[in-house]
Protein backbone atom coordinates (compact mmCIF):
# COMPACT_ATOMS: atom_id res chain seq x y z
CA MET A 1 -2.36 19.98 -33.62
CA TRP A 2 -5.49 19.08 -31.19
CA ILE A 3 -4.20 15.18 -31.46
CA VAL A 4 -1.27 16.54 -29.48
CA TYR A 5 -3.22 18.36 -27.36
CA ALA A 6 -5.22 15.14 -26.33
CA ILE A 7 -2.33 13.08 -25.95
CA LEU A 8 -0.90 15.55 -23.51
CA PHE A 9 -4.20 16.17 -21.48
CA LEU A 10 -4.68 12.26 -21.18
CA PHE A 11 -1.17 11.99 -19.48
CA GLY A 12 -1.87 14.78 -17.75
CA TYR A 13 -4.89 13.08 -16.37
CA VAL A 14 -3.16 9.84 -15.63
CA VAL A 15 0.03 11.72 -13.95
CA VAL A 16 -2.63 13.28 -11.86
CA ARG A 17 -4.05 10.65 -10.98
CA ARG A 18 -1.72 8.18 -9.89
CA ALA A 19 -0.19 11.09 -8.00
CA GLY A 20 -3.42 11.46 -6.15
CA ALA A 21 -3.71 7.38 -5.23
CA MET A 22 0.54 7.47 -4.36
CA ALA A 23 -0.43 10.33 -2.02
CA ASN A 24 -3.65 8.14 -0.21
CA GLU A 25 -1.03 4.70 0.07
CA ILE A 26 1.71 6.87 1.59
CA TRP A 27 -0.55 8.66 3.81
CA ALA A 28 -2.16 5.36 4.18
CA LEU A 29 0.91 3.36 5.76
CA GLN A 30 2.09 6.66 7.96
CA VAL A 31 -0.86 6.24 10.17
CA TYR A 32 -0.24 2.31 10.25
CA ALA A 33 3.15 3.26 11.16
CA THR A 34 1.86 5.75 13.54
CA GLU A 35 -0.70 3.31 14.86
CA LEU A 36 2.27 0.54 15.46
CA LEU A 37 4.56 2.30 17.19
CA LEU A 38 1.73 3.44 19.70
CA ARG A 39 0.44 0.17 20.12
CA PRO A 40 2.80 -3.01 18.78
CA GLU A 41 0.94 -5.34 21.00
CA ARG A 42 -2.10 -5.13 19.09
CA HIS A 43 -0.36 -6.21 15.42
CA GLN A 44 2.01 -8.93 17.14
CA ALA A 45 -0.41 -11.90 15.51
CA LYS A 46 -0.46 -9.84 12.04
CA ALA A 47 3.34 -9.69 12.21
CA ALA A 48 3.59 -13.35 12.79
CA GLU A 49 1.03 -14.04 9.95
CA LEU A 50 3.12 -11.80 7.73
CA ARG A 51 6.40 -13.65 8.28
CA GLU A 52 4.84 -16.92 7.69
CA THR A 53 3.28 -16.02 4.52
CA MET A 54 7.34 -14.50 3.61
CA LEU A 55 8.53 -18.18 4.62
CA ARG A 56 5.72 -20.12 2.38
CA LEU A 57 6.58 -17.91 -0.56
CA ALA A 58 9.68 -17.98 -0.35
CA ASN A 59 10.46 -19.57 -3.62
CA ASP A 60 7.97 -17.51 -5.77
CA PRO A 61 9.20 -13.78 -4.79
CA ARG A 62 6.40 -12.05 -7.26
CA ALA A 63 4.05 -14.00 -4.93
CA ARG A 64 5.54 -12.92 -2.09
CA ASP A 65 5.86 -8.92 -2.99
CA LYS A 66 2.39 -9.34 -3.95
CA ALA A 67 0.95 -10.91 -0.35
CA VAL A 68 2.99 -8.27 1.48
CA ASN A 69 1.81 -5.46 -0.08
CA ARG A 70 -1.71 -6.94 -0.41
CA ALA A 71 -1.42 -7.34 3.90
CA LEU A 72 0.17 -3.91 4.66
CA HIS A 73 -2.23 -1.77 2.36
CA GLN A 74 -4.72 -3.37 4.32
CA TRP A 75 -3.34 -3.12 7.70
CA ALA A 76 -3.18 0.56 6.57
CA ALA A 77 -6.55 0.88 5.77
CA GLU A 78 -7.80 -0.73 9.36
CA ALA A 79 -5.23 1.39 11.08
CA ALA A 80 -7.03 4.88 8.90
CA ALA A 81 -10.71 3.43 9.48
CA ALA A 82 -9.79 3.03 12.93
CA ARG A 83 -8.95 6.59 13.51
């Protein structure tokens, strides 16, 4: 019976950790979206860089998605740190 409890505890732990990480990501992306709406001129260069990356990696969807996701998280972290 203790094995069932251990498995349930482990599952619950993983779920709570992932939910916390997702909440942080959502918050950071909301901060970035607000920053983008308030000051779009500051992000023109980053948007052009992202567009260039997407065009360069058009034939490899997995690499393109990873590059876009990485860029968005980096920009969100920068916007969150600036606040």
